[in-house]
Amino acid sequence: MKKATKVVALLGATAALGALFGILYAPDKGTRTRRKLSRQYGNILHKMDNKINERKDQIEAFKERMQDQVDRLQDKIKRLS
């Protein structure tokens, strides 16, 4: 399993456990508990979105580096021809 997949899976499992314990041990009314769970869920989604965007940026940077290398190699081949 890749590291990014593990991070997403871990965040999802953490969210599920947090929600479960929040419901089981909630001293508050149902509406307040649901509001808290909704906020926690939103926070987790925000963190996951940030991780996904970080990965996208890393992939884009890698793609650009690889394209630069391809361009340099093509230039060398042209000069040798």
PDB file of N, CA and C in Angstrom:
ATOM      1  N   MET A   1       0.841  -1.174   0.000  1.00  0.00           N
ATOM      2  CA  MET A   1       0.000   0.000   0.000  1.00  0.00           C
ATOM      3  C   MET A   1       0.887   1.239   0.000  1.00  0.00           C
ATOM      4  N   LYS A   2       0.561   2.194  -0.841  1.00  0.00           N
ATOM      5  CA  LYS A   2       1.380   3.397  -0.924  1.00  0.00           C
ATOM      6  C   LYS A   2       1.144   4.279   0.285  1.00  0.00           C
ATOM      7  N   LYS A   3       2.118   5.147   0.549  1.00  0.00           N
ATOM      8  CA  LYS A   3       2.065   5.997   1.727  1.00  0.00           C
ATOM      9  C   LYS A   3       0.828   6.902   1.723  1.00  0.00           C
ATOM     10  N   ALA A   4       0.491   7.493   0.588  1.00  0.00           N
ATOM     11  CA  ALA A   4      -0.665   8.381   0.511  1.00  0.00           C
ATOM     12  C   ALA A   4      -1.948   7.623   0.812  1.00  0.00           C
ATOM     13  N   THR A   5      -2.059   6.397   0.323  1.00  0.00           N
ATOM     14  CA  THR A   5      -3.234   5.577   0.580  1.00  0.00           C
ATOM     15  C   THR A   5      -3.334   5.249   2.056  1.00  0.00           C
ATOM     16  N   LYS A   6      -2.196   4.966   2.665  1.00  0.00           N
ATOM     17  CA  LYS A   6      -2.179   4.678   4.098  1.00  0.00           C
ATOM     18  C   LYS A   6      -2.636   5.886   4.907  1.00  0.00           C
ATOM     19  N   VAL A   7      -2.195   7.067   4.517  1.00  0.00           N
ATOM     20  CA  VAL A   7      -2.575   8.290   5.229  1.00  0.00           C
ATOM     21  C   VAL A   7      -4.078   8.508   5.129  1.00  0.00           C
ATOM     22  N   VAL A   8      -4.622   8.356   3.936  1.00  0.00           N
ATOM     23  CA  VAL A   8      -6.060   8.546   3.740  1.00  0.00           C
ATOM     24  C   VAL A   8      -6.838   7.504   4.533  1.00  0.00           C
ATOM     25  N   ALA A   9      -6.394   6.248   4.502  1.00  0.00           N
ATOM     26  CA  ALA A   9      -7.070   5.186   5.244  1.00  0.00           C
ATOM     27  C   ALA A   9      -7.002   5.445   6.744  1.00  0.00           C
ATOM     28  N   LEU A  10      -5.854   5.894   7.211  1.00  0.00           N
ATOM     29  CA  LEU A  10      -5.690   6.198   8.633  1.00  0.00           C
ATOM     30  C   LEU A  10      -6.600   7.342   9.051  1.00  0.00           C
ATOM     31  N   LEU A  11      -6.674   8.368   8.240  1.00  0.00           N
ATOM     32  CA  LEU A  11      -7.563   9.481   8.562  1.00  0.00           C
ATOM     33  C   LEU A  11      -9.020   9.040   8.588  1.00  0.00           C
ATOM     34  N   GLY A  12      -9.405   8.201   7.655  1.00  0.00           N
ATOM     35  CA  GLY A  12     -10.775   7.700   7.623  1.00  0.00           C
ATOM     36  C   GLY A  12     -11.095   6.848   8.848  1.00  0.00           C
ATOM     37  N   ALA A  13     -10.168   5.978   9.209  1.00  0.00           N
ATOM     38  CA  ALA A  13     -10.375   5.131  10.386  1.00  0.00           C
ATOM     39  C   ALA A  13     -10.432   5.972  11.658  1.00  0.00           C
ATOM     40  N   THR A  14      -9.576   6.977  11.740  1.00  0.00           N
ATOM     41  CA  THR A  14      -9.573   7.865  12.893  1.00  0.00           C
ATOM     42  C   THR A  14     -10.898   8.615  12.989  1.00  0.00           C
ATOM     43  N   ALA A  15     -11.403   9.058  11.866  1.00  0.00           N
ATOM     44  CA  ALA A  15     -12.684   9.768  11.853  1.00  0.00           C
ATOM     45  C   ALA A  15     -13.805   8.858  12.330  1.00  0.00           C
ATOM     46  N   ALA A  16     -13.802   7.629  11.858  1.00  0.00           N
ATOM     47  CA  ALA A  16     -14.854   6.688  12.252  1.00  0.00           C
ATOM     48  C   ALA A  16     -14.794   6.391  13.750  1.00  0.00           C
ATOM     49  N   LEU A  17     -13.588   6.162  14.262  1.00  0.00           N
ATOM     50  CA  LEU A  17     -13.444   5.902  15.696  1.00  0.00           C
ATOM     51  C   LEU A  17     -13.843   7.113  16.525  1.00  0.00           C
ATOM     52  N   GLY A  18     -13.429   8.281  16.099  1.00  0.00           N
ATOM     53  CA  GLY A  18     -13.799   9.500  16.813  1.00  0.00           C
ATOM     54  C   GLY A  18     -15.304   9.698  16.843  1.00  0.00           C
ATOM     55  N   ALA A  19     -15.946   9.436  15.719  1.00  0.00           N
ATOM     56  CA  ALA A  19     -17.404   9.571  15.658  1.00  0.00           C
ATOM     57  C   ALA A  19     -18.075   8.554  16.575  1.00  0.00           C
ATOM     58  N   LEU A  20     -17.584   7.337  16.567  1.00  0.00           N
ATOM     59  CA  LEU A  20     -18.154   6.285  17.404  1.00  0.00           C
ATOM     60  C   LEU A  20     -18.046   6.645  18.879  1.00  0.00           C
ATOM     61  N   PHE A  21     -16.866   7.014  19.317  1.00  0.00           N
ATOM     62  CA  PHE A  21     -16.693   7.381  20.721  1.00  0.00           C
ATOM     63  C   PHE A  21     -17.470   8.647  21.070  1.00  0.00           C
ATOM     64  N   GLY A  22     -17.547   9.549  20.137  1.00  0.00           N
ATOM     65  CA  GLY A  22     -18.325  10.767  20.372  1.00  0.00           C
ATOM     66  C   GLY A  22     -19.784  10.461  20.617  1.00  0.00           C
ATOM     67  N   ILE A  23     -20.307   9.523  19.861  1.00  0.00           N
ATOM     68  CA  ILE A  23     -21.719   9.151  20.029  1.00  0.00           C
ATOM     69  C   ILE A  23     -21.924   8.345  21.313  1.00  0.00           C
ATOM     70  N   LEU A  24     -21.016   7.413  21.569  1.00  0.00           N
ATOM     71  CA  LEU A  24     -21.179   6.547  22.739  1.00  0.00           C
ATOM     72  C   LEU A  24     -21.049   7.290  24.069  1.00  0.00           C
ATOM     73  N   TYR A  25     -20.164   8.232  24.126  1.00  0.00           N
ATOM     74  CA  TYR A  25     -19.879   8.904  25.388  1.00  0.00           C
ATOM     75  C   TYR A  25     -20.340  10.357  25.405  1.00  0.00           C
ATOM     76  N   ALA A  26     -21.263  10.693  24.569  1.00  0.00           N
ATOM     77  CA  ALA A  26     -21.717  12.074  24.455  1.00  0.00           C
ATOM     78  C   ALA A  26     -22.613  12.451  25.641  1.00  0.00           C
ATOM     79  N   PRO A  27     -22.168  13.428  26.433  1.00  0.00           N
ATOM     80  CA  PRO A  27     -23.011  13.885  27.536  1.00  0.00           C
ATOM     81  C   PRO A  27     -24.013  14.952  27.072  1.00  0.00           C
ATOM     82  N   ASP A  28     -23.885  15.381  25.841  1.00  0.00           N
ATOM     83  CA  ASP A  28     -24.715  16.464  25.326  1.00  0.00           C
ATOM     84  C   ASP A  28     -25.978  15.930  24.664  1.00  0.00           C
ATOM     85  N   LYS A  29     -26.857  16.858  24.313  1.00  0.00           N
ATOM     86  CA  LYS A  29     -28.060  16.517  23.554  1.00  0.00           C
ATOM     87  C   LYS A  29     -27.655  16.035  22.161  1.00  0.00           C
ATOM     88  N   GLY A  30     -28.576  15.357  21.509  1.00  0.00           N
ATOM     89  CA  GLY A  30     -28.309  14.823  20.177  1.00  0.00           C
ATOM     90  C   GLY A  30     -27.944  15.896  19.170  1.00  0.00           C
ATOM     91  N   THR A  31     -28.638  17.036  19.213  1.00  0.00           N
ATOM     92  CA  THR A  31     -28.345  18.093  18.236  1.00  0.00           C
ATOM     93  C   THR A  31     -26.939  18.639  18.435  1.00  0.00           C
ATOM     94  N   ARG A  32     -26.555  18.802  19.662  1.00  0.00           N
ATOM     95  CA  ARG A  32     -25.210  19.326  19.936  1.00  0.00           C
ATOM     96  C   ARG A  32     -24.148  18.306  19.540  1.00  0.00           C
ATOM     97  N   THR A  33     -24.417  17.031  19.832  1.00  0.00           N
ATOM     98  CA  THR A  33     -23.478  15.968  19.462  1.00  0.00           C
ATOM     99  C   THR A  33     -23.332  15.898  17.945  1.00  0.00           C
ATOM    100  N   ARG A  34     -24.456  15.984  17.237  1.00  0.00           N
ATOM    101  CA  ARG A  34     -24.384  15.947  15.770  1.00  0.00           C
ATOM    102  C   ARG A  34     -23.605  17.138  15.231  1.00  0.00           C
ATOM    103  N   ARG A  35     -23.759  18.283  15.842  1.00  0.00           N
ATOM    104  CA  ARG A  35     -23.018  19.476  15.413  1.00  0.00           C
ATOM    105  C   ARG A  35     -21.520  19.276  15.609  1.00  0.00           C
ATOM    106  N   LYS A  36     -21.152  18.710  16.769  1.00  0.00           N
ATOM    107  CA  LYS A  36     -19.733  18.444  17.045  1.00  0.00           C
ATOM    108  C   LYS A  36     -19.163  17.445  16.033  1.00  0.00           C
ATOM    109  N   LEU A  37     -19.921  16.358  15.784  1.00  0.00           N
ATOM    110  CA  LEU A  37     -19.458  15.355  14.831  1.00  0.00           C
ATOM    111  C   LEU A  37     -19.332  15.947  13.434  1.00  0.00           C
ATOM    112  N   SER A  38     -20.252  16.805  13.081  1.00  0.00           N
ATOM    113  CA  SER A  38     -20.203  17.450  11.777  1.00  0.00           C
ATOM    114  C   SER A  38     -18.943  18.308  11.651  1.00  0.00           C
ATOM    115  N   ARG A  39     -18.615  19.037  12.698  1.00  0.00           N
ATOM    116  CA  ARG A  39     -17.399  19.861  12.681  1.00  0.00           C
ATOM    117  C   ARG A  39     -16.154  18.990  12.563  1.00  0.00           C
ATOM    118  N   GLN A  40     -16.122  17.907  13.342  1.00  0.00           N
ATOM    119  CA  GLN A  40     -14.968  17.008  13.287  1.00  0.00           C
ATOM    120  C   GLN A  40     -14.827  16.406  11.892  1.00  0.00           C
ATOM    121  N   TYR A  41     -15.942  16.005  11.330  1.00  0.00           N
ATOM    122  CA  TYR A  41     -15.932  15.442   9.979  1.00  0.00           C
ATOM    123  C   TYR A  41     -15.430  16.472   8.976  1.00  0.00           C
ATOM    124  N   GLY A  42     -15.886  17.706   9.122  1.00  0.00           N
ATOM    125  CA  GLY A  42     -15.425  18.785   8.244  1.00  0.00           C
ATOM    126  C   GLY A  42     -13.931  19.018   8.372  1.00  0.00           C
ATOM    127  N   ASN A  43     -13.433  18.981   9.600  1.00  0.00           N
ATOM    128  CA  ASN A  43     -11.994  19.160   9.825  1.00  0.00           C
ATOM    129  C   ASN A  43     -11.188  18.051   9.162  1.00  0.00           C
ATOM    130  N   ILE A  44     -11.673  16.829   9.285  1.00  0.00           N
ATOM    131  CA  ILE A  44     -10.971  15.701   8.678  1.00  0.00           C
ATOM    132  C   ILE A  44     -10.983  15.821   7.160  1.00  0.00           C
ATOM    133  N   LEU A  45     -12.129  16.180   6.602  1.00  0.00           N
ATOM    134  CA  LEU A  45     -12.199  16.367   5.149  1.00  0.00           C
ATOM    135  C   LEU A  45     -11.234  17.454   4.690  1.00  0.00           C
ATOM    136  N   HIS A  46     -11.136  18.526   5.467  1.00  0.00           N
ATOM    137  CA  HIS A  46     -10.222  19.618   5.130  1.00  0.00           C
ATOM    138  C   HIS A  46      -8.774  19.125   5.136  1.00  0.00           C
ATOM    139  N   LYS A  47      -8.414  18.351   6.151  1.00  0.00           N
ATOM    140  CA  LYS A  47      -7.050  17.812   6.222  1.00  0.00           C
ATOM    141  C   LYS A  47      -6.764  16.868   5.050  1.00  0.00           C
ATOM    142  N   MET A  48      -7.745  16.027   4.730  1.00  0.00           N
ATOM    143  CA  MET A  48      -7.557  15.105   3.605  1.00  0.00           C
ATOM    144  C   MET A  48      -7.423  15.879   2.295  1.00  0.00           C
ATOM    145  N   ASP A  49      -8.213  16.920   2.133  1.00  0.00           N
ATOM    146  CA  ASP A  49      -8.128  17.750   0.936  1.00  0.00           C
ATOM    147  C   ASP A  49      -6.751  18.390   0.821  1.00  0.00           C
ATOM    148  N   ASN A  50      -6.219  18.859   1.941  1.00  0.00           N
ATOM    149  CA  ASN A  50      -4.877  19.445   1.941  1.00  0.00           C
ATOM    150  C   ASN A  50      -3.827  18.418   1.527  1.00  0.00           C
ATOM    151  N   LYS A  51      -3.948  17.190   2.057  1.00  0.00           N
ATOM    152  CA  LYS A  51      -2.987  16.136   1.704  1.00  0.00           C
ATOM    153  C   LYS A  51      -3.072  15.806   0.216  1.00  0.00           C
ATOM    154  N   ILE A  52      -4.292  15.738  -0.297  1.00  0.00           N
ATOM    155  CA  ILE A  52      -4.468  15.446  -1.725  1.00  0.00           C
ATOM    156  C   ILE A  52      -3.850  16.545  -2.570  1.00  0.00           C
ATOM    157  N   ASN A  53      -4.065  17.794  -2.189  1.00  0.00           N
ATOM    158  CA  ASN A  53      -3.488  18.913  -2.938  1.00  0.00           C
ATOM    159  C   ASN A  53      -1.969  18.908  -2.866  1.00  0.00           C
ATOM    160  N   GLU A  54      -1.413  18.540  -1.704  1.00  0.00           N
ATOM    161  CA  GLU A  54       0.041  18.421  -1.586  1.00  0.00           C
ATOM    162  C   GLU A  54       0.566  17.370  -2.557  1.00  0.00           C
ATOM    163  N   ARG A  55      -0.112  16.231  -2.620  1.00  0.00           N
ATOM    164  CA  ARG A  55       0.302  15.161  -3.528  1.00  0.00           C
ATOM    165  C   ARG A  55       0.210  15.613  -4.982  1.00  0.00           C
ATOM    166  N   LYS A  56      -0.857  16.317  -5.315  1.00  0.00           N
ATOM    167  CA  LYS A  56      -1.008  16.826  -6.682  1.00  0.00           C
ATOM    168  C   LYS A  56       0.160  17.749  -7.034  1.00  0.00           C
ATOM    169  N   ASP A  57       0.524  18.623  -6.103  1.00  0.00           N
ATOM    170  CA  ASP A  57       1.648  19.533  -6.340  1.00  0.00           C
ATOM    171  C   ASP A  57       2.951  18.765  -6.523  1.00  0.00           C
ATOM    172  N   GLN A  58       3.153  17.737  -5.705  1.00  0.00           N
ATOM    173  CA  GLN A  58       4.364  16.934  -5.824  1.00  0.00           C
ATOM    174  C   GLN A  58       4.408  16.208  -7.167  1.00  0.00           C
ATOM    175  N   ILE A  59       3.282  15.685  -7.573  1.00  0.00           N
ATOM    176  CA  ILE A  59       3.226  14.986  -8.860  1.00  0.00           C
ATOM    177  C   ILE A  59       3.491  15.947 -10.007  1.00  0.00           C
ATOM    178  N   GLU A  60       2.911  17.132  -9.930  1.00  0.00           N
ATOM    179  CA  GLU A  60       3.127  18.139 -10.988  1.00  0.00           C
ATOM    180  C   GLU A  60       4.598  18.549 -11.056  1.00  0.00           C
ATOM    181  N   ALA A  61       5.223  18.744  -9.908  1.00  0.00           N
ATOM    182  CA  ALA A  61       6.647  19.101  -9.884  1.00  0.00           C
ATOM    183  C   ALA A  61       7.494  17.972 -10.477  1.00  0.00           C
ATOM    184  N   PHE A  62       7.156  16.731 -10.132  1.00  0.00           N
ATOM    185  CA  PHE A  62       7.878  15.586 -10.680  1.00  0.00           C
ATOM    186  C   PHE A  62       7.712  15.525 -12.195  1.00  0.00           C
ATOM    187  N   LYS A  63       6.491  15.742 -12.647  1.00  0.00           N
ATOM    188  CA  LYS A  63       6.207  15.735 -14.089  1.00  0.00           C
ATOM    189  C   LYS A  63       7.044  16.794 -14.811  1.00  0.00           C
ATOM    190  N   GLU A  64       7.133  17.979 -14.235  1.00  0.00           N
ATOM    191  CA  GLU A  64       7.926  19.051 -14.848  1.00  0.00           C
ATOM    192  C   GLU A  64       9.404  18.694 -14.897  1.00  0.00           C
ATOM    193  N   ARG A  65       9.909  18.102 -13.820  1.00  0.00           N
ATOM    194  CA  ARG A  65      11.324  17.692 -13.804  1.00  0.00           C
ATOM    195  C   ARG A  65      11.596  16.640 -14.878  1.00  0.00           C
ATOM    196  N   MET A  66      10.691  15.688 -14.996  1.00  0.00           N
ATOM    197  CA  MET A  66      10.860  14.642 -16.004  1.00  0.00           C
ATOM    198  C   MET A  66      10.789  15.227 -17.414  1.00  0.00           C
ATOM    199  N   GLN A  67       9.900  16.169 -17.633  1.00  0.00           N
ATOM    200  CA  GLN A  67       9.793  16.795 -18.947  1.00  0.00           C
ATOM    201  C   GLN A  67      11.072  17.567 -19.275  1.00  0.00           C
ATOM    202  N   ASP A  68      11.652  18.232 -18.295  1.00  0.00           N
ATOM    203  CA  ASP A  68      12.921  18.937 -18.499  1.00  0.00           C
ATOM    204  C   ASP A  68      14.020  17.956 -18.903  1.00  0.00           C
ATOM    205  N   GLN A  69      14.058  16.817 -18.243  1.00  0.00           N
ATOM    206  CA  GLN A  69      15.075  15.819 -18.582  1.00  0.00           C
ATOM    207  C   GLN A  69      14.861  15.276 -19.992  1.00  0.00           C
ATOM    208  N   VAL A  70      13.619  15.026 -20.351  1.00  0.00           N
ATOM    209  CA  VAL A  70      13.317  14.546 -21.703  1.00  0.00           C
ATOM    210  C   VAL A  70      13.761  15.584 -22.731  1.00  0.00           C
ATOM    211  N   ASP A  71      13.437  16.847 -22.466  1.00  0.00           N
ATOM    212  CA  ASP A  71      13.827  17.921 -23.391  1.00  0.00           C
ATOM    213  C   ASP A  71      15.346  17.994 -23.551  1.00  0.00           C
ATOM    214  N   ARG A  72      16.083  17.886 -22.438  1.00  0.00           N
ATOM    215  CA  ARG A  72      17.547  17.929 -22.506  1.00  0.00           C
ATOM    216  C   ARG A  72      18.092  16.745 -23.303  1.00  0.00           C
ATOM    217  N   LEU A  73      17.529  15.574 -23.081  1.00  0.00           N
ATOM    218  CA  LEU A  73      17.987  14.405 -23.821  1.00  0.00           C
ATOM    219  C   LEU A  73      17.685  14.525 -25.321  1.00  0.00           C
ATOM    220  N   GLN A  74      16.529  15.074 -25.636  1.00  0.00           N
ATOM    221  CA  GLN A  74      16.189  15.265 -27.051  1.00  0.00           C
ATOM    222  C   GLN A  74      17.160  16.262 -27.695  1.00  0.00           C
ATOM    223  N   ASP A  75      17.534  17.299 -26.979  1.00  0.00           N
ATOM    224  CA  ASP A  75      18.505  18.261 -27.492  1.00  0.00           C
ATOM    225  C   ASP A  75      19.858  17.586 -27.752  1.00  0.00           C
ATOM    226  N   LYS A  76      20.292  16.746 -26.807  1.00  0.00           N
ATOM    227  CA  LYS A  76      21.565  16.046 -26.987  1.00  0.00           C
ATOM    228  C   LYS A  76      21.513  15.113 -28.194  1.00  0.00           C
ATOM    229  N   ILE A  77      20.414  14.434 -28.362  1.00  0.00           N
ATOM    230  CA  ILE A  77      20.273  13.534 -29.522  1.00  0.00           C
ATOM    231  C   ILE A  77      20.333  14.317 -30.818  1.00  0.00           C
ATOM    232  N   LYS A  78      19.684  15.456 -30.863  1.00  0.00           N
ATOM    233  CA  LYS A  78      19.704  16.289 -32.068  1.00  0.00           C
ATOM    234  C   LYS A  78      21.115  16.763 -32.386  1.00  0.00           C
ATOM    235  N   ARG A  79      21.859  17.130 -31.331  1.00  0.00           N
ATOM    236  CA  ARG A  79      23.225  17.614 -31.555  1.00  0.00           C
ATOM    237  C   ARG A  79      24.145  16.494 -32.048  1.00  0.00           C
ATOM    238  N   LEU A  80      23.872  15.270 -31.601  1.00  0.00           N
ATOM    239  CA  LEU A  80      24.694  14.139 -32.013  1.00  0.00           C
ATOM    240  C   LEU A  80      24.351  13.661 -33.427  1.00  0.00           C
ATOM    241  N   SER A  81      23.172  13.974 -33.894  1.00  0.00           N
ATOM    242  CA  SER A  81      22.742  13.500 -35.221  1.00  0.00           C
ATOM    243  C   SER A  81      23.381  14.278 -36.329  1.00  0.00           C
TER     244      SER A  81
END
